[in-house]
Amino acid sequence: MAKTALTQLQDQIEAIRREAFAAGYAAAMQSIRDFAAKPAPGGAPAATRPPGRPRSVVPTAAARPTRQRQPRATARAPRRATRASAGRPQRGTNARLVEEVLQSNAPRALRPAEIRRSLQRDKGVAMAFTSIRHALVQLEERHTAEQIADSKTWRYRGSAGGSA
C-alpha cells in the first residue's frame, strides 16, 4: 500500500513537471513570436510565421496546438543541385589558380606554403594543402609544372604539353 501511494505521488509530480514545462515552453515560444513579429529597426517587418518546435520537446496534449497537416509536395527539385551549382567553383579551378601563381613567379620555384600564401594574398582564395598538392600533380601530368629534384618546391614549366 505504501508502494502504490509513493508511485502515485511520483506520477503526480511528473505530471505537474510536464505541465509546468509545457507552460514555460509555450510562454517562451510566444515571446519569440512576439519578438519576431516586431519590425527590425530601420528595416522591413520580419516574417510572422512562428518558428517550429524542436523534436525533443513533447508538451502535454492540452498544451499542444491543434492544426491540420499539410500534404507534402511529392515533386520537389533537389536542394543539393541548386546549392552545388551556385556555390561551388567550376571543375579544374584549383589547378588553374595554382598554375597562375606558379606562372607569375616563374622561373622561381615555390613551396606549397608559398603557393597557399600567394593565393590568399593575391586572389583571396583559401585552399587546403591537399587541394594544392592535387593541383600540382595535375599540372605535372599536363607538363605545365615540375617538381625540383627531391625538394618540395615546384616551378612553372610552360605549356610544353598544352593545358586543357
C-alpha atoms as a PDB file:
ATOM      1  CA  MET A   1       0.000   0.000   0.000  1.00  0.00           C
ATOM      2  CA  ALA A   2       2.873   2.388   0.773  1.00  0.00           C
ATOM      3  CA  LYS A   3       4.447   1.489  -2.545  1.00  0.00           C
ATOM      4  CA  THR A   4       1.360   2.391  -4.558  1.00  0.00           C
ATOM      5  CA  ALA A   5       0.991   5.698  -2.703  1.00  0.00           C
ATOM      6  CA  LEU A   6       4.631   6.507  -3.469  1.00  0.00           C
ATOM      7  CA  THR A   7       4.142   5.553  -7.131  1.00  0.00           C
ATOM      8  CA  GLN A   8       1.013   7.735  -7.341  1.00  0.00           C
ATOM      9  CA  LEU A   9       2.878  10.648  -5.779  1.00  0.00           C
ATOM     10  CA  GLN A  10       5.737  10.251  -8.261  1.00  0.00           C
ATOM     11  CA  ASP A  11       3.261  10.123 -11.150  1.00  0.00           C
ATOM     12  CA  GLN A  12       1.556  13.296  -9.913  1.00  0.00           C
ATOM     13  CA  ILE A  13       4.907  15.077  -9.557  1.00  0.00           C
ATOM     14  CA  GLU A  14       5.894  14.007 -13.063  1.00  0.00           C
ATOM     15  CA  ALA A  15       2.560  15.226 -14.491  1.00  0.00           C
ATOM     16  CA  ILE A  16       2.971  18.615 -12.745  1.00  0.00           C
ATOM     17  CA  ARG A  17       6.548  18.879 -14.029  1.00  0.00           C
ATOM     18  CA  ARG A  18       5.416  18.159 -17.591  1.00  0.00           C
ATOM     19  CA  GLU A  19       2.609  20.726 -17.388  1.00  0.00           C
ATOM     20  CA  ALA A  20       4.981  23.348 -15.997  1.00  0.00           C
ATOM     21  CA  PHE A  21       7.500  22.608 -18.719  1.00  0.00           C
ATOM     22  CA  ALA A  22       4.824  22.833 -21.414  1.00  0.00           C
ATOM     23  CA  ALA A  23       3.541  26.126 -19.991  1.00  0.00           C
ATOM     24  CA  GLY A  24       7.071  27.550 -19.827  1.00  0.00           C
ATOM     25  CA  TYR A  25       7.788  26.367 -23.337  1.00  0.00           C
ATOM     26  CA  ALA A  26       4.569  27.906 -24.641  1.00  0.00           C
ATOM     27  CA  ALA A  27       5.398  31.211 -22.939  1.00  0.00           C
ATOM     28  CA  ALA A  28       8.934  31.192 -24.370  1.00  0.00           C
ATOM     29  CA  MET A  29       7.671  30.447 -27.873  1.00  0.00           C
ATOM     30  CA  GLN A  30       5.102  33.248 -27.563  1.00  0.00           C
ATOM     31  CA  SER A  31       7.906  35.634 -26.579  1.00  0.00           C
ATOM     32  CA  ILE A  32       9.882  34.550 -29.625  1.00  0.00           C
ATOM     33  CA  ARG A  33       6.849  35.029 -31.882  1.00  0.00           C
ATOM     34  CA  ASP A  34       6.251  38.491 -30.435  1.00  0.00           C
ATOM     35  CA  PHE A  35       9.886  39.437 -30.916  1.00  0.00           C
ATOM     36  CA  ALA A  36       9.962  38.080 -34.480  1.00  0.00           C
ATOM     37  CA  ALA A  37       6.794  39.994 -35.356  1.00  0.00           C
ATOM     38  CA  LYS A  38       8.377  43.329 -34.417  1.00  0.00           C
ATOM     39  CA  PRO A  39       9.895  45.198 -37.345  1.00  0.00           C
ATOM     40  CA  ALA A  40      13.658  45.471 -37.401  1.00  0.00           C
ATOM     41  CA  PRO A  41      14.984  48.932 -36.561  1.00  0.00           C
ATOM     42  CA  GLY A  42      15.067  50.826 -39.838  1.00  0.00           C
ATOM     43  CA  GLY A  43      14.009  47.832 -41.912  1.00  0.00           C
ATOM     44  CA  ALA A  44      11.063  45.903 -43.250  1.00  0.00           C
ATOM     45  CA  PRO A  45       8.847  43.855 -40.871  1.00  0.00           C
ATOM     46  CA  ALA A  46      10.050  40.370 -40.040  1.00  0.00           C
ATOM     47  CA  ALA A  47       8.233  37.237 -41.126  1.00  0.00           C
ATOM     48  CA  THR A  48       5.256  36.376 -38.923  1.00  0.00           C
ATOM     49  CA  ARG A  49       5.492  32.636 -39.256  1.00  0.00           C
ATOM     50  CA  PRO A  50       6.104  31.079 -35.818  1.00  0.00           C
ATOM     51  CA  PRO A  51       9.288  29.002 -35.553  1.00  0.00           C
ATOM     52  CA  GLY A  52       8.921  25.229 -35.437  1.00  0.00           C
ATOM     53  CA  ARG A  53       9.112  23.250 -32.229  1.00  0.00           C
ATOM     54  CA  PRO A  54      12.221  21.117 -31.629  1.00  0.00           C
ATOM     55  CA  ARG A  55      11.584  17.387 -31.861  1.00  0.00           C
ATOM     56  CA  SER A  56      12.945  16.693 -28.387  1.00  0.00           C
ATOM     57  CA  VAL A  57      10.151  18.688 -26.695  1.00  0.00           C
ATOM     58  CA  VAL A  58       6.861  16.850 -26.226  1.00  0.00           C
ATOM     59  CA  PRO A  59       4.305  19.003 -24.388  1.00  0.00           C
ATOM     60  CA  THR A  60       1.113  17.575 -22.912  1.00  0.00           C
ATOM     61  CA  ALA A  61      -1.956  17.138 -25.076  1.00  0.00           C
ATOM     62  CA  ALA A  62      -3.617  20.224 -23.566  1.00  0.00           C
ATOM     63  CA  ALA A  63      -0.674  22.473 -24.487  1.00  0.00           C
ATOM     64  CA  ARG A  64      -0.270  21.047 -27.968  1.00  0.00           C
ATOM     65  CA  PRO A  65      -1.756  23.276 -30.688  1.00  0.00           C
ATOM     66  CA  THR A  66      -4.272  21.590 -32.949  1.00  0.00           C
ATOM     67  CA  ARG A  67      -3.530  22.074 -36.600  1.00  0.00           C
ATOM     68  CA  GLN A  68      -4.209  20.318 -39.843  1.00  0.00           C
ATOM     69  CA  ARG A  69      -1.292  18.637 -41.541  1.00  0.00           C
ATOM     70  CA  GLN A  70      -0.499  19.958 -44.982  1.00  0.00           C
ATOM     71  CA  PRO A  71       0.034  17.352 -47.707  1.00  0.00           C
ATOM     72  CA  ARG A  72       3.693  17.055 -48.599  1.00  0.00           C
ATOM     73  CA  ALA A  73       4.690  18.057 -52.094  1.00  0.00           C
ATOM     74  CA  THR A  74       5.957  14.982 -53.898  1.00  0.00           C
ATOM     75  CA  ALA A  75       7.714  16.502 -56.891  1.00  0.00           C
ATOM     76  CA  ARG A  76      10.338  18.827 -55.415  1.00  0.00           C
ATOM     77  CA  ALA A  77      13.561  19.782 -57.086  1.00  0.00           C
ATOM     78  CA  PRO A  78      16.519  18.531 -55.077  1.00  0.00           C
ATOM     79  CA  ARG A  79      18.101  21.289 -52.978  1.00  0.00           C
ATOM     80  CA  ARG A  80      21.574  19.860 -53.351  1.00  0.00           C
ATOM     81  CA  ALA A  81      21.757  20.512 -57.090  1.00  0.00           C
ATOM     82  CA  THR A  82      20.931  24.206 -56.826  1.00  0.00           C
ATOM     83  CA  ARG A  83      23.248  24.779 -53.868  1.00  0.00           C
ATOM     84  CA  ALA A  84      26.129  22.924 -55.501  1.00  0.00           C
ATOM     85  CA  SER A  85      25.878  24.775 -58.782  1.00  0.00           C
ATOM     86  CA  ALA A  86      25.572  28.180 -57.137  1.00  0.00           C
ATOM     87  CA  GLY A  87      28.311  27.891 -54.523  1.00  0.00           C
ATOM     88  CA  ARG A  88      30.899  25.524 -55.912  1.00  0.00           C
ATOM     89  CA  PRO A  89      33.714  26.602 -58.185  1.00  0.00           C
ATOM     90  CA  GLN A  90      33.943  25.130 -61.654  1.00  0.00           C
ATOM     91  CA  ARG A  91      35.845  21.893 -62.140  1.00  0.00           C
ATOM     92  CA  GLY A  92      39.587  22.470 -62.596  1.00  0.00           C
ATOM     93  CA  THR A  93      39.605  25.854 -60.854  1.00  0.00           C
ATOM     94  CA  ASN A  94      42.210  24.856 -58.250  1.00  0.00           C
ATOM     95  CA  ALA A  95      44.707  23.695 -60.869  1.00  0.00           C
ATOM     96  CA  ARG A  96      44.163  26.874 -62.876  1.00  0.00           C
ATOM     97  CA  LEU A  97      44.723  29.059 -59.813  1.00  0.00           C
ATOM     98  CA  VAL A  98      47.875  27.197 -58.787  1.00  0.00           C
ATOM     99  CA  GLU A  99      49.142  27.411 -62.361  1.00  0.00           C
ATOM    100  CA  GLU A 100      48.599  31.181 -62.378  1.00  0.00           C
ATOM    101  CA  VAL A 101      50.576  31.550 -59.149  1.00  0.00           C
ATOM    102  CA  LEU A 102      53.454  29.426 -60.454  1.00  0.00           C
ATOM    103  CA  GLN A 103      53.419  31.325 -63.750  1.00  0.00           C
ATOM    104  CA  SER A 104      53.511  34.722 -62.051  1.00  0.00           C
ATOM    105  CA  ASN A 105      56.563  33.658 -60.011  1.00  0.00           C
ATOM    106  CA  ALA A 106      58.418  31.913 -62.855  1.00  0.00           C
ATOM    107  CA  PRO A 107      61.252  30.950 -63.066  1.00  0.00           C
ATOM    108  CA  ARG A 108      61.388  30.898 -59.254  1.00  0.00           C
ATOM    109  CA  ALA A 109      60.296  27.626 -57.601  1.00  0.00           C
ATOM    110  CA  LEU A 110      57.695  27.757 -54.824  1.00  0.00           C
ATOM    111  CA  ARG A 111      56.802  25.547 -51.886  1.00  0.00           C
ATOM    112  CA  PRO A 112      53.124  24.669 -51.321  1.00  0.00           C
ATOM    113  CA  ALA A 113      53.011  27.046 -48.331  1.00  0.00           C
ATOM    114  CA  GLU A 114      54.184  29.921 -50.557  1.00  0.00           C
ATOM    115  CA  ILE A 115      51.594  28.976 -53.176  1.00  0.00           C
ATOM    116  CA  ARG A 116      48.904  28.987 -50.496  1.00  0.00           C
ATOM    117  CA  ARG A 117      50.000  32.343 -49.116  1.00  0.00           C
ATOM    118  CA  SER A 118      50.067  33.842 -52.600  1.00  0.00           C
ATOM    119  CA  LEU A 119      46.568  32.518 -53.345  1.00  0.00           C
ATOM    120  CA  GLN A 120      45.228  34.063 -50.154  1.00  0.00           C
ATOM    121  CA  ARG A 121      47.008  37.383 -50.645  1.00  0.00           C
ATOM    122  CA  ASP A 122      46.525  37.922 -54.382  1.00  0.00           C
ATOM    123  CA  LYS A 123      43.290  36.111 -55.206  1.00  0.00           C
ATOM    124  CA  GLY A 124      41.528  35.959 -51.838  1.00  0.00           C
ATOM    125  CA  VAL A 125      41.201  32.181 -52.099  1.00  0.00           C
ATOM    126  CA  ALA A 126      41.806  29.886 -49.134  1.00  0.00           C
ATOM    127  CA  MET A 127      42.904  26.499 -50.436  1.00  0.00           C
ATOM    128  CA  ALA A 128      43.805  23.416 -48.415  1.00  0.00           C
ATOM    129  CA  PHE A 129      47.277  21.952 -48.778  1.00  0.00           C
ATOM    130  CA  THR A 130      45.748  18.705 -50.029  1.00  0.00           C
ATOM    131  CA  SER A 131      43.997  20.586 -52.823  1.00  0.00           C
ATOM    132  CA  ILE A 132      47.232  22.380 -53.714  1.00  0.00           C
ATOM    133  CA  ARG A 133      49.092  19.060 -53.822  1.00  0.00           C
ATOM    134  CA  HIS A 134      46.405  17.530 -56.032  1.00  0.00           C
ATOM    135  CA  ALA A 135      46.511  20.533 -58.378  1.00  0.00           C
ATOM    136  CA  LEU A 136      50.321  20.293 -58.590  1.00  0.00           C
ATOM    137  CA  VAL A 137      50.095  16.622 -59.559  1.00  0.00           C
ATOM    138  CA  GLN A 138      47.537  17.507 -62.241  1.00  0.00           C
ATOM    139  CA  LEU A 139      49.817  20.232 -63.588  1.00  0.00           C
ATOM    140  CA  GLU A 140      52.757  17.831 -63.562  1.00  0.00           C
ATOM    141  CA  GLU A 141      50.743  15.338 -65.613  1.00  0.00           C
ATOM    142  CA  ARG A 142      49.989  18.104 -68.133  1.00  0.00           C
ATOM    143  CA  HIS A 143      53.697  19.015 -68.232  1.00  0.00           C
ATOM    144  CA  THR A 144      52.841  22.514 -67.027  1.00  0.00           C
ATOM    145  CA  ALA A 145      54.671  22.337 -63.690  1.00  0.00           C
ATOM    146  CA  GLU A 146      57.582  20.285 -62.421  1.00  0.00           C
ATOM    147  CA  GLN A 147      58.935  19.352 -59.046  1.00  0.00           C
ATOM    148  CA  ILE A 148      62.541  20.381 -58.487  1.00  0.00           C
ATOM    149  CA  ALA A 149      64.652  17.247 -57.862  1.00  0.00           C
ATOM    150  CA  ASP A 150      63.933  15.803 -54.397  1.00  0.00           C
ATOM    151  CA  SER A 151      62.886  19.130 -52.909  1.00  0.00           C
ATOM    152  CA  LYS A 152      59.363  20.171 -52.053  1.00  0.00           C
ATOM    153  CA  THR A 153      59.431  23.085 -54.465  1.00  0.00           C
ATOM    154  CA  TRP A 154      57.564  23.415 -57.738  1.00  0.00           C
ATOM    155  CA  ARG A 155      58.273  25.509 -60.813  1.00  0.00           C
ATOM    156  CA  TYR A 156      56.206  26.591 -63.792  1.00  0.00           C
ATOM    157  CA  ARG A 157      57.385  24.712 -66.842  1.00  0.00           C
ATOM    158  CA  GLY A 158      55.367  26.411 -69.528  1.00  0.00           C
ATOM    159  CA  SER A 159      52.751  24.962 -71.816  1.00  0.00           C
ATOM    160  CA  ALA A 160      55.011  22.383 -73.475  1.00  0.00           C
ATOM    161  CA  GLY A 161      52.200  19.820 -73.433  1.00  0.00           C
ATOM    162  CA  GLY A 162      49.407  22.382 -73.575  1.00  0.00           C
ATOM    163  CA  SER A 163      46.918  22.832 -70.778  1.00  0.00           C
ATOM    164  CA  ALA A 164      43.342  21.659 -71.187  1.00  0.00           C
END
